[in-house]
C-alpha cells in the first residue's frame, strides 16, 4: 500500500505541468513575450494617430506657417508683428473677457447643479436625465444654437414680442445687442453650464463618505466639512474645469459667426475677416498669425489644466 501510494504520488508529480521557469529558458521567453505584446497593442492607435496627424497636426502647422509668409511665398515678420496692433490686441482682449466671464458663470452655476445632484440616486431617473441632457446640450452649438436664440429673443423672436406686447418691455431699446459682442454671452453660457456638469460631477461624486463621517465624529458640522475638507479638496478640480471652459469659449467660432455676421469683435471672427474680407486685400496670411496667437493662449491654458488635473487626480484615485 505504501509503495503504491508512493508511486502514485511520484507519477502525479511527474505528470504535472512543468513551468517554463523550471527549464531556465522560461524567464527570457516570458520577458520577450511581455516586450512584444505592447508593440502589437500600439497598432490599435494607428487610426487615431492618422486622424490626429491629418486633421489636427497638419492643419495647425499650415495655419501657423502661413503667418510667416507673404502671398507670393516670401518670408516676412509683418504678419506676426501685426499681433501688437491695438485693434488686434483689443480683439484678443474681447475674446479673453468673453471667455472668462462665461467660464466663471458657467463654472459656478454648473457646480451648483452638481451639488444639487449629489444627494440623488446615481441610477435614478432625475440624475440620468440631467446627465443625458448635459451631454447633449454641451455639444449644442453653432448655427443651431444661434437660430434658437434668434427665434427666441431675436428682433422677431417669440419671447421678445411677448414681452413687448404684454408688458411693454423692449429688450432692444438701446440697440440690438444680440448681434453684437454682448449677445454672445447668453449663448456661450448656454453650453458652458452643461460642460461644467460633465467635467465637475465626477470630482464631486468622488468625495468619500468616510471624510464626512470622520468630520462628524470629531465634532465638526456640515458647514465645517465643506470649509475645511470639501472645498479645499475640490478646488483643483474646479479650477481645472474653469480653465477647460475658458479654452472652450475662447476657441468657439460657429455660434459667434452665425450671430455676429458683421464685424470681427473676437479673434475667430477676425480670422474669418482676414480670409474673406473684400476691403483688406493681400493680408490673408494674417489669419495664420492670429491662429498662432490663439494656439499659444489655448496651449498655456491647457498646460495649466493638465497640471491642476494631475494634482486633483491624487485623491480621486
Protein backbone atom coordinates (compact mmCIF):
# COMPACT_ATOMS: atom_id res chain seq x y z
CA UNK A 1 0.00 0.00 0.00
CA UNK A 2 2.77 2.37 0.87
CA UNK A 3 4.67 1.60 -2.32
CA UNK A 4 1.60 2.12 -4.45
CA UNK A 5 0.85 5.38 -2.76
CA UNK A 6 4.41 6.49 -3.25
CA UNK A 7 4.37 5.52 -6.90
CA UNK A 8 1.07 7.23 -7.44
CA UNK A 9 2.37 10.41 -5.83
CA UNK A 10 5.53 10.28 -7.92
CA UNK A 11 3.52 9.68 -11.08
CA UNK A 12 1.25 12.59 -10.23
CA UNK A 13 4.24 14.82 -9.67
CA UNK A 14 5.88 13.74 -12.90
CA UNK A 15 2.72 14.18 -14.90
CA UNK A 16 2.03 17.69 -13.54
CA UNK A 17 2.62 20.60 -15.96
CA UNK A 18 6.17 21.82 -15.73
CA UNK A 19 6.64 25.59 -15.51
CA UNK A 20 8.87 27.02 -18.23
CA UNK A 21 10.86 28.70 -15.49
CA UNK A 22 11.98 25.26 -14.33
CA UNK A 23 13.99 24.75 -17.52
CA UNK A 24 15.85 28.03 -17.26
CA UNK A 25 14.56 29.42 -20.56
CA UNK A 26 11.22 30.46 -19.08
CA UNK A 27 12.05 33.94 -17.77
CA UNK A 28 13.67 35.01 -21.04
CA UNK A 29 10.75 33.68 -23.09
CA UNK A 30 8.22 35.34 -20.81
CA UNK A 31 10.17 38.61 -20.89
CA UNK A 32 10.28 38.57 -24.69
CA UNK A 33 6.53 37.94 -24.82
CA UNK A 34 5.88 40.84 -22.48
CA UNK A 35 8.05 43.15 -24.59
CA UNK A 36 6.36 42.12 -27.84
CA UNK A 37 2.79 42.40 -26.52
CA UNK A 38 2.78 46.20 -26.14
CA UNK A 39 4.18 46.66 -29.62
CA UNK A 40 1.16 44.81 -31.03
CA UNK A 41 -1.21 46.75 -28.79
CA UNK A 42 0.18 50.04 -30.12
CA UNK A 43 -1.15 49.12 -33.57
CA UNK A 44 -4.62 49.95 -32.27
CA UNK A 45 -3.61 53.61 -32.03
CA UNK A 46 -2.70 53.86 -35.71
CA UNK A 47 -6.16 55.06 -36.88
CA UNK A 48 -6.31 57.65 -34.12
CA UNK A 49 -2.74 58.79 -34.81
CA UNK A 50 -3.57 59.14 -38.51
CA UNK A 51 -6.64 61.20 -37.64
CA UNK A 52 -4.64 63.50 -35.35
CA UNK A 53 -1.93 63.90 -37.97
CA UNK A 54 -4.23 64.64 -40.91
CA UNK A 55 -6.92 66.73 -39.25
CA UNK A 56 -5.11 68.39 -36.33
CA UNK A 57 -1.33 68.45 -36.71
CA UNK A 58 -1.06 69.21 -40.43
CA UNK A 59 -3.72 71.99 -40.47
CA UNK A 60 -2.14 73.54 -37.37
CA UNK A 61 1.33 73.57 -38.93
CA UNK A 62 -0.02 75.00 -42.20
CA UNK A 63 -2.03 77.68 -40.37
CA UNK A 64 0.91 78.76 -38.24
CA UNK A 65 3.38 78.55 -41.10
CA UNK A 66 1.25 80.75 -43.34
CA UNK A 67 1.63 83.58 -40.84
CA UNK A 68 5.35 83.81 -41.61
CA UNK A 69 4.98 84.16 -45.39
CA UNK A 70 3.54 86.67 -47.77
CA UNK A 71 1.07 85.91 -50.53
CA UNK A 72 3.91 85.27 -53.01
CA UNK A 73 5.65 82.85 -50.60
CA UNK A 74 8.48 85.04 -49.31
CA UNK A 75 9.32 85.07 -45.59
CA UNK A 76 8.10 88.02 -43.53
CA UNK A 77 7.63 89.14 -39.95
CA UNK A 78 4.88 91.65 -40.79
CA UNK A 79 2.03 89.25 -40.09
CA UNK A 80 3.35 88.26 -36.68
CA UNK A 81 4.22 91.85 -35.80
CA UNK A 82 0.58 92.72 -36.50
CA UNK A 83 -0.30 90.91 -33.27
CA UNK A 84 0.88 94.04 -31.47
CA UNK A 85 -1.57 96.26 -33.35
CA UNK A 86 -4.07 97.95 -30.97
CA UNK A 87 -7.02 96.64 -32.98
CA UNK A 88 -5.74 93.06 -32.78
CA UNK A 89 -4.92 93.40 -29.08
CA UNK A 90 -8.43 94.73 -28.45
CA UNK A 91 -9.86 91.72 -30.26
CA UNK A 92 -7.82 89.34 -28.12
CA UNK A 93 -8.97 91.25 -25.03
CA UNK A 94 -12.61 90.89 -26.12
CA UNK A 95 -12.16 87.15 -26.63
CA UNK A 96 -10.42 86.71 -23.28
CA UNK A 97 -13.03 88.79 -21.45
CA UNK A 98 -15.95 86.96 -23.05
CA UNK A 99 -14.35 83.59 -22.35
CA UNK A 100 -13.51 84.43 -18.75
CA UNK A 101 -16.97 85.81 -17.98
CA UNK A 102 -18.86 82.87 -19.46
CA UNK A 103 -16.41 80.40 -17.91
CA UNK A 104 -16.88 81.84 -14.41
CA UNK A 105 -20.67 81.99 -14.69
CA UNK A 106 -20.82 78.53 -16.24
CA UNK A 107 -18.49 77.07 -13.62
CA UNK A 108 -20.44 78.50 -10.66
CA UNK A 109 -23.89 77.56 -11.96
CA UNK A 110 -22.66 74.15 -13.13
CA UNK A 111 -21.08 73.44 -9.75
CA UNK A 112 -24.38 74.32 -8.02
CA UNK A 113 -26.21 71.92 -10.34
CA UNK A 114 -23.68 69.19 -9.48
CA UNK A 115 -24.17 69.87 -5.77
CA UNK A 116 -27.94 69.56 -6.18
CA UNK A 117 -27.48 66.23 -7.96
CA UNK A 118 -25.08 64.90 -5.34
CA UNK A 119 -27.83 63.75 -2.98
CA UNK A 120 -29.80 61.95 -5.68
CA UNK A 121 -29.60 58.32 -6.67
CA UNK A 122 -26.88 57.97 -9.36
CA UNK A 123 -29.09 55.45 -11.18
CA UNK A 124 -32.32 57.39 -10.65
CA UNK A 125 -34.43 59.00 -13.36
CA UNK A 126 -33.54 62.60 -12.44
CA UNK A 127 -29.79 62.02 -12.34
CA UNK A 128 -29.82 60.03 -15.57
CA UNK A 129 -31.94 62.66 -17.31
CA UNK A 130 -29.68 65.52 -16.25
CA UNK A 131 -26.54 63.61 -17.25
CA UNK A 132 -28.00 62.83 -20.67
CA UNK A 133 -29.22 66.41 -21.16
CA UNK A 134 -25.81 67.80 -20.16
CA UNK A 135 -24.09 65.56 -22.67
CA UNK A 136 -26.39 66.75 -25.46
CA UNK A 137 -26.54 70.45 -24.59
CA UNK A 138 -22.76 70.72 -24.17
CA UNK A 139 -22.50 69.91 -27.89
CA UNK A 140 -25.49 72.01 -28.93
CA UNK A 141 -23.80 74.96 -30.55
CA UNK A 142 -23.06 76.58 -33.86
CA UNK A 143 -25.84 77.57 -36.24
CA UNK A 144 -28.48 75.55 -34.35
CA UNK A 145 -27.84 77.41 -31.10
CA UNK A 146 -27.71 80.77 -32.89
CA UNK A 147 -31.04 80.06 -34.58
CA UNK A 148 -32.58 79.03 -31.24
CA UNK A 149 -31.65 82.39 -29.69
CA UNK A 150 -32.72 84.35 -32.78
CA UNK A 151 -36.10 82.61 -32.79
CA UNK A 152 -36.50 83.17 -29.04
CA UNK A 153 -35.13 86.65 -28.29
CA UNK A 154 -34.31 87.96 -31.76
CA UNK A 155 -35.89 91.08 -33.24
CA UNK A 156 -38.94 88.99 -34.19
CA UNK A 157 -38.37 86.37 -31.51
CA UNK A 158 -41.25 84.80 -29.60
CA UNK A 159 -40.12 85.92 -26.15
CA UNK A 160 -39.14 89.39 -27.34
CA UNK A 161 -42.55 90.02 -28.92
CA UNK A 162 -44.35 88.58 -25.89
CA UNK A 163 -42.54 90.93 -23.50
CA UNK A 164 -43.15 93.88 -25.81
CA UNK A 165 -46.84 93.20 -26.47
CA UNK A 166 -47.81 92.07 -22.96
CA UNK A 167 -45.67 94.24 -20.69
CA UNK A 168 -44.34 96.98 -22.97
CA UNK A 169 -40.75 95.86 -22.36
CA UNK A 170 -38.44 96.37 -25.32
CA UNK A 171 -35.22 94.45 -24.68
CA UNK A 172 -33.64 96.19 -27.69
CA UNK A 173 -34.47 99.74 -26.65
CA UNK A 174 -30.75 100.54 -26.50
CA UNK A 175 -29.74 98.58 -29.60
CA UNK A 176 -29.84 95.05 -30.99
CA UNK A 177 -27.22 93.69 -28.59
CA UNK A 178 -27.91 90.06 -29.57
CA UNK A 179 -26.00 90.56 -32.81
CA UNK A 180 -23.03 92.23 -31.15
CA UNK A 181 -20.41 91.15 -28.62
CA UNK A 182 -22.76 91.25 -25.57
CA UNK A 183 -25.15 88.98 -27.44
CA UNK A 184 -22.62 86.15 -27.32
CA UNK A 185 -22.70 85.94 -23.52
CA UNK A 186 -26.02 84.09 -23.19
CA UNK A 187 -25.36 81.51 -25.95
CA UNK A 188 -21.90 80.80 -24.57
CA UNK A 189 -23.23 80.33 -21.04
CA UNK A 190 -25.86 78.03 -22.51
CA UNK A 191 -23.25 75.42 -23.49
CA UNK A 192 -20.76 76.22 -20.72
CA UNK A 193 -23.07 75.10 -17.88
CA UNK A 194 -23.67 71.54 -19.17
CA UNK A 195 -19.97 71.20 -19.96
CA UNK A 196 -19.21 72.08 -16.34
CA UNK A 197 -21.70 69.47 -15.16
CA UNK A 198 -19.96 66.82 -17.25
CA UNK A 199 -16.44 67.69 -16.10
CA UNK A 200 -17.04 68.56 -12.43
CA UNK A 201 -19.63 65.96 -11.41
CA UNK A 202 -17.12 63.05 -11.27
CA UNK A 203 -14.90 65.02 -8.89
CA UNK A 204 -17.82 65.91 -6.63
CA UNK A 205 -19.11 62.35 -6.65
CA UNK A 206 -15.65 61.08 -5.70
CA UNK A 207 -15.82 62.70 -2.24
CA UNK A 208 -15.57 59.84 0.22
CA UNK A 209 -18.40 59.44 2.76
CA UNK A 210 -15.78 58.43 5.34
CA UNK A 211 -14.48 62.01 5.34
CA UNK A 212 -17.88 63.37 6.32
CA UNK A 213 -18.25 60.69 8.98
CA UNK A 214 -14.81 61.47 10.40
CA UNK A 215 -15.69 65.18 10.45
CA UNK A 216 -18.89 64.50 12.43
CA UNK A 217 -17.06 62.14 14.78
CA UNK A 218 -14.56 64.86 15.62
CA UNK A 219 -17.34 67.31 16.40
CA UNK A 220 -17.49 69.07 13.05
CA UNK A 221 -20.59 70.38 11.30
CA UNK A 222 -21.84 70.22 7.74
CA UNK A 223 -20.50 73.70 7.01
CA UNK A 224 -17.13 72.95 8.59
CA UNK A 225 -16.83 69.86 6.36
CA UNK A 226 -17.14 71.98 3.23
CA UNK A 227 -14.91 74.77 4.53
CA UNK A 228 -12.10 72.53 5.81
CA UNK A 229 -12.36 69.43 3.62
CA UNK A 230 -14.76 69.63 0.69
CA UNK A 231 -13.81 72.97 -0.87
CA UNK A 232 -10.01 72.56 -0.45
CA UNK A 233 -10.18 69.08 -1.96
CA UNK A 234 -12.42 70.14 -4.85
CA UNK A 235 -10.57 73.39 -5.59
CA UNK A 236 -8.07 71.87 -8.08
CA UNK A 237 -10.87 70.10 -9.98
CA UNK A 238 -12.94 73.28 -10.03
CA UNK A 239 -10.02 75.34 -11.35
CA UNK A 240 -9.24 72.69 -13.97
CA UNK A 241 -12.85 72.72 -15.16
CA UNK A 242 -12.81 76.53 -15.21
CA UNK A 243 -9.74 76.52 -17.45
CA UNK A 244 -11.38 73.97 -19.73
CA UNK A 245 -14.46 76.18 -20.04
CA UNK A 246 -12.25 79.19 -20.83
CA UNK A 247 -10.46 77.31 -23.62
CA UNK A 248 -13.79 76.05 -24.94
CA UNK A 249 -15.23 79.57 -25.20
CA UNK A 250 -12.00 81.13 -26.49
CA UNK A 251 -11.86 78.75 -29.44
CA UNK A 252 -15.59 78.76 -30.30
CA UNK A 253 -16.43 80.09 -33.74
CA UNK A 254 -19.65 78.79 -35.30
CA UNK A 255 -22.12 80.33 -32.83
CA UNK A 256 -20.41 83.72 -32.98
CA UNK A 257 -20.19 83.59 -36.78
CA UNK A 258 -23.91 82.86 -37.09
CA UNK A 259 -24.97 85.62 -34.67
CA UNK A 260 -22.43 88.36 -35.45
CA UNK A 261 -22.38 88.29 -39.24
CA UNK A 262 -20.83 91.75 -39.38
CA UNK A 263 -17.66 92.90 -37.66
CA UNK A 264 -14.82 90.98 -36.02
CA UNK A 265 -15.20 91.56 -32.29
CA UNK A 266 -13.41 88.35 -31.27
CA UNK A 267 -10.36 86.57 -32.65
CA UNK A 268 -12.14 83.75 -34.55
CA UNK A 269 -14.24 86.35 -36.36
CA UNK A 270 -11.15 88.40 -37.12
CA UNK A 271 -9.55 85.33 -38.67
CA UNK A 272 -12.66 84.96 -40.83
CA UNK A 273 -12.41 88.60 -41.84
CA UNK A 274 -8.75 88.19 -42.81
CA UNK A 275 -9.64 85.30 -45.09
CA UNK A 276 -12.84 86.62 -46.66
CA UNK A 277 -12.81 90.43 -46.44
CA UNK A 278 -13.00 92.28 -49.74
CA UNK A 279 -11.67 95.50 -48.22
CA UNK A 280 -8.46 94.09 -46.73
CA UNK A 281 -6.57 92.57 -49.62
CA UNK A 282 -3.17 90.94 -49.52
CA UNK A 283 -3.35 90.20 -45.78
CA UNK A 284 -4.87 86.72 -45.94
CA UNK A 285 -1.81 85.30 -44.21
CA UNK A 286 -2.57 87.49 -41.20
CA UNK A 287 -5.04 84.75 -40.29
CA UNK A 288 -2.09 82.43 -39.67
CA UNK A 289 -0.56 84.90 -37.23
CA UNK A 290 -3.89 85.26 -35.42
CA UNK A 291 -4.19 81.49 -35.26
CA UNK A 292 -0.68 81.36 -33.78
CA UNK A 293 -1.74 83.77 -31.05
CA UNK A 294 -4.81 81.67 -30.27
CA UNK A 295 -2.80 78.45 -30.18
CA UNK A 296 -0.29 79.95 -27.76
CA UNK A 297 -3.03 81.14 -25.38
CA UNK A 298 -5.02 77.89 -25.55
CA UNK A 299 -1.79 75.90 -25.19
CA UNK A 300 -0.86 77.73 -21.99
CA UNK A 301 -4.38 77.29 -20.60
CA UNK A 302 -4.44 73.56 -21.38
CA UNK A 303 -0.96 73.08 -19.90
CA UNK A 304 -2.20 74.63 -16.66
CA UNK A 305 -5.30 72.44 -16.89
CA UNK A 306 -3.13 69.33 -17.19
CA UNK A 307 -1.01 70.28 -14.18
CA UNK A 308 -4.01 71.07 -11.98
CA UNK A 309 -5.89 67.98 -13.11
CA UNK A 310 -2.87 65.84 -12.26
CA UNK A 311 -2.89 67.26 -8.75
CA UNK A 312 -6.65 66.69 -8.42
CA UNK A 313 -6.26 63.06 -9.52
CA UNK A 314 -4.14 62.26 -6.46
CA UNK A 315 -7.10 61.93 -4.12
CA UNK A 316 -9.55 60.69 -6.76
CA UNK A 317 -7.57 57.51 -7.44
